[in-house]
């Protein structure tokens, strides 16, 4: 398995982010969708790590309240 480039060093991610900064409010959803689709396809492990780090404590706490 080849080692993947991180999101921070990915030229495609940077290009899509540039489109987001240059787009107007009506195109933001489209650009966000493109970015997320790329990240899911090319950076799935890093995405899962980011989501777990950010949201896992919240989900665990909510689950414990059930």
N, C-alpha and C. Protein backbone atom coordinates (compact mmCIF):
# COMPACT_ATOMS: atom_id res chain seq x y z
N UNK A 1 0.85 -1.19 0.00
CA UNK A 1 0.00 0.00 0.00
C UNK A 1 0.89 1.24 0.00
N UNK A 2 0.55 2.19 -0.84
CA UNK A 2 1.35 3.40 -0.93
C UNK A 2 0.97 4.36 0.18
N UNK A 3 1.95 5.11 0.62
CA UNK A 3 1.70 6.10 1.66
C UNK A 3 1.00 7.30 1.04
N UNK A 4 -0.04 7.75 1.68
CA UNK A 4 -0.81 8.87 1.15
C UNK A 4 -0.30 10.19 1.69
N UNK A 5 -0.50 11.23 0.91
CA UNK A 5 -0.14 12.58 1.31
C UNK A 5 -1.19 13.06 2.31
N UNK A 6 -0.76 13.79 3.33
CA UNK A 6 -1.72 14.30 4.31
C UNK A 6 -2.57 15.42 3.71
N UNK A 7 -3.69 15.66 4.33
CA UNK A 7 -4.58 16.73 3.88
C UNK A 7 -3.83 18.06 3.84
N UNK A 8 -2.99 18.30 4.83
CA UNK A 8 -2.26 19.57 4.90
C UNK A 8 -1.29 19.76 3.74
N UNK A 9 -0.80 18.66 3.16
CA UNK A 9 0.18 18.74 2.08
C UNK A 9 -0.38 18.35 0.72
N UNK A 10 -1.68 18.20 0.62
CA UNK A 10 -2.33 17.74 -0.61
C UNK A 10 -2.64 18.92 -1.52
N UNK A 11 -2.10 18.87 -2.74
CA UNK A 11 -2.35 19.95 -3.71
C UNK A 11 -3.82 20.01 -4.13
N UNK A 12 -4.46 18.86 -4.25
CA UNK A 12 -5.88 18.84 -4.63
C UNK A 12 -6.72 19.50 -3.55
N UNK A 13 -6.44 19.17 -2.29
CA UNK A 13 -7.17 19.81 -1.18
C UNK A 13 -6.97 21.33 -1.22
N UNK A 14 -5.74 21.75 -1.43
CA UNK A 14 -5.45 23.19 -1.48
C UNK A 14 -6.17 23.86 -2.64
N UNK A 15 -6.20 23.20 -3.80
CA UNK A 15 -6.89 23.77 -4.96
C UNK A 15 -8.39 23.90 -4.71
N UNK A 16 -8.98 22.88 -4.10
CA UNK A 16 -10.42 22.94 -3.81
C UNK A 16 -10.69 24.02 -2.75
N UNK A 17 -9.81 24.12 -1.76
CA UNK A 17 -9.97 25.17 -0.74
C UNK A 17 -9.88 26.55 -1.38
N UNK A 18 -8.97 26.73 -2.32
CA UNK A 18 -8.87 28.01 -3.04
C UNK A 18 -10.17 28.33 -3.75
N UNK A 19 -10.77 27.33 -4.40
CA UNK A 19 -12.06 27.54 -5.06
C UNK A 19 -13.11 27.98 -4.04
N UNK A 20 -13.06 27.39 -2.86
CA UNK A 20 -14.01 27.77 -1.82
C UNK A 20 -13.84 29.21 -1.39
N UNK A 21 -12.60 29.65 -1.22
CA UNK A 21 -12.36 31.03 -0.82
C UNK A 21 -12.76 32.01 -1.92
N UNK A 22 -12.67 31.59 -3.17
CA UNK A 22 -12.99 32.46 -4.29
C UNK A 22 -14.46 32.42 -4.68
N UNK A 23 -15.20 31.43 -4.20
CA UNK A 23 -16.59 31.26 -4.61
C UNK A 23 -17.51 32.14 -3.78
N UNK A 24 -18.66 32.37 -4.33
CA UNK A 24 -19.67 33.12 -3.62
C UNK A 24 -20.51 32.20 -2.76
N UNK A 25 -21.42 32.78 -2.01
CA UNK A 25 -22.26 31.99 -1.09
C UNK A 25 -23.06 30.89 -1.79
N UNK A 26 -23.47 31.11 -3.02
CA UNK A 26 -24.28 30.11 -3.71
C UNK A 26 -23.47 28.88 -4.11
N UNK A 27 -22.16 29.02 -4.27
CA UNK A 27 -21.31 27.90 -4.68
C UNK A 27 -20.62 27.21 -3.51
N UNK A 28 -20.75 27.75 -2.31
CA UNK A 28 -20.05 27.20 -1.14
C UNK A 28 -20.42 25.73 -0.89
N UNK A 29 -21.71 25.40 -0.99
CA UNK A 29 -22.13 24.01 -0.75
C UNK A 29 -21.52 23.06 -1.76
N UNK A 30 -21.46 23.48 -3.00
CA UNK A 30 -20.89 22.65 -4.06
C UNK A 30 -19.40 22.41 -3.80
N UNK A 31 -18.68 23.46 -3.47
CA UNK A 31 -17.25 23.34 -3.21
C UNK A 31 -17.00 22.50 -1.95
N UNK A 32 -17.80 22.71 -0.93
CA UNK A 32 -17.66 21.90 0.29
C UNK A 32 -17.90 20.43 -0.01
N UNK A 33 -18.86 20.14 -0.86
CA UNK A 33 -19.14 18.76 -1.26
C UNK A 33 -17.98 18.16 -2.03
N UNK A 34 -17.38 18.94 -2.93
CA UNK A 34 -16.21 18.47 -3.68
C UNK A 34 -15.04 18.17 -2.74
N UNK A 35 -14.83 19.07 -1.79
CA UNK A 35 -13.74 18.88 -0.83
C UNK A 35 -13.97 17.63 0.00
N UNK A 36 -15.17 17.47 0.53
CA UNK A 36 -15.47 16.32 1.36
C UNK A 36 -15.36 15.03 0.55
N UNK A 37 -15.86 15.02 -0.68
CA UNK A 37 -15.76 13.82 -1.52
C UNK A 37 -14.30 13.45 -1.76
N UNK A 38 -13.46 14.44 -2.01
CA UNK A 38 -12.04 14.17 -2.22
C UNK A 38 -11.39 13.62 -0.96
N UNK A 39 -11.69 14.23 0.17
CA UNK A 39 -11.09 13.80 1.44
C UNK A 39 -11.54 12.37 1.77
N UNK A 40 -12.81 12.07 1.57
CA UNK A 40 -13.31 10.71 1.84
C UNK A 40 -12.60 9.70 0.95
N UNK A 41 -12.39 10.05 -0.30
CA UNK A 41 -11.76 9.13 -1.23
C UNK A 41 -10.26 8.99 -1.01
N UNK A 42 -9.57 10.11 -0.82
CA UNK A 42 -8.10 10.08 -0.80
C UNK A 42 -7.48 10.17 0.59
N UNK A 43 -8.25 10.56 1.59
CA UNK A 43 -7.71 10.72 2.94
C UNK A 43 -8.64 10.14 4.00
N UNK A 44 -9.20 8.94 3.79
CA UNK A 44 -10.22 8.43 4.72
C UNK A 44 -9.71 8.21 6.14
N UNK A 45 -8.52 7.69 6.29
CA UNK A 45 -7.99 7.44 7.64
C UNK A 45 -7.77 8.73 8.40
N UNK A 46 -7.22 9.71 7.71
CA UNK A 46 -6.97 11.00 8.36
C UNK A 46 -8.29 11.68 8.74
N UNK A 47 -9.29 11.55 7.87
CA UNK A 47 -10.61 12.12 8.17
C UNK A 47 -11.21 11.46 9.41
N UNK A 48 -11.15 10.14 9.47
CA UNK A 48 -11.69 9.44 10.63
C UNK A 48 -10.95 9.83 11.91
N UNK A 49 -9.64 9.99 11.82
CA UNK A 49 -8.87 10.41 13.00
C UNK A 49 -9.29 11.81 13.45
N UNK A 50 -9.48 12.72 12.50
CA UNK A 50 -9.90 14.08 12.84
C UNK A 50 -11.29 14.08 13.47
N UNK A 51 -12.21 13.33 12.88
CA UNK A 51 -13.57 13.27 13.42
C UNK A 51 -13.58 12.64 14.81
N UNK A 52 -12.83 11.58 14.99
CA UNK A 52 -12.79 10.92 16.29
C UNK A 52 -12.21 11.85 17.35
N UNK A 53 -11.15 12.54 17.00
CA UNK A 53 -10.51 13.45 17.96
C UNK A 53 -11.46 14.57 18.36
N UNK A 54 -12.22 15.07 17.39
CA UNK A 54 -13.09 16.21 17.64
C UNK A 54 -14.42 15.80 18.29
N UNK A 55 -15.02 14.72 17.80
CA UNK A 55 -16.40 14.42 18.18
C UNK A 55 -16.60 13.19 19.05
N UNK A 56 -15.65 12.29 19.11
CA UNK A 56 -15.84 11.07 19.88
C UNK A 56 -16.19 11.34 21.35
N UNK A 57 -15.50 12.27 22.02
CA UNK A 57 -15.87 12.52 23.42
C UNK A 57 -17.33 12.99 23.57
N UNK A 58 -17.81 13.76 22.63
CA UNK A 58 -19.19 14.25 22.68
C UNK A 58 -20.16 13.09 22.49
N UNK A 59 -19.89 12.25 21.49
CA UNK A 59 -20.78 11.12 21.23
C UNK A 59 -20.79 10.13 22.39
N UNK A 60 -19.64 9.88 22.97
CA UNK A 60 -19.58 8.97 24.11
C UNK A 60 -20.36 9.54 25.30
N UNK A 61 -20.21 10.82 25.55
CA UNK A 61 -20.95 11.45 26.64
C UNK A 61 -22.46 11.37 26.41
N UNK A 62 -22.90 11.65 25.19
CA UNK A 62 -24.34 11.58 24.88
C UNK A 62 -24.85 10.15 24.99
N UNK A 63 -24.04 9.21 24.56
CA UNK A 63 -24.46 7.80 24.65
C UNK A 63 -24.61 7.38 26.10
N UNK A 64 -23.72 7.84 26.95
CA UNK A 64 -23.78 7.50 28.36
C UNK A 64 -24.98 8.10 29.06
N UNK A 65 -25.55 9.17 28.50
CA UNK A 65 -26.74 9.78 29.07
C UNK A 65 -28.02 9.04 28.70
N UNK A 66 -27.95 8.15 27.73
CA UNK A 66 -29.15 7.43 27.29
C UNK A 66 -29.56 6.39 28.28
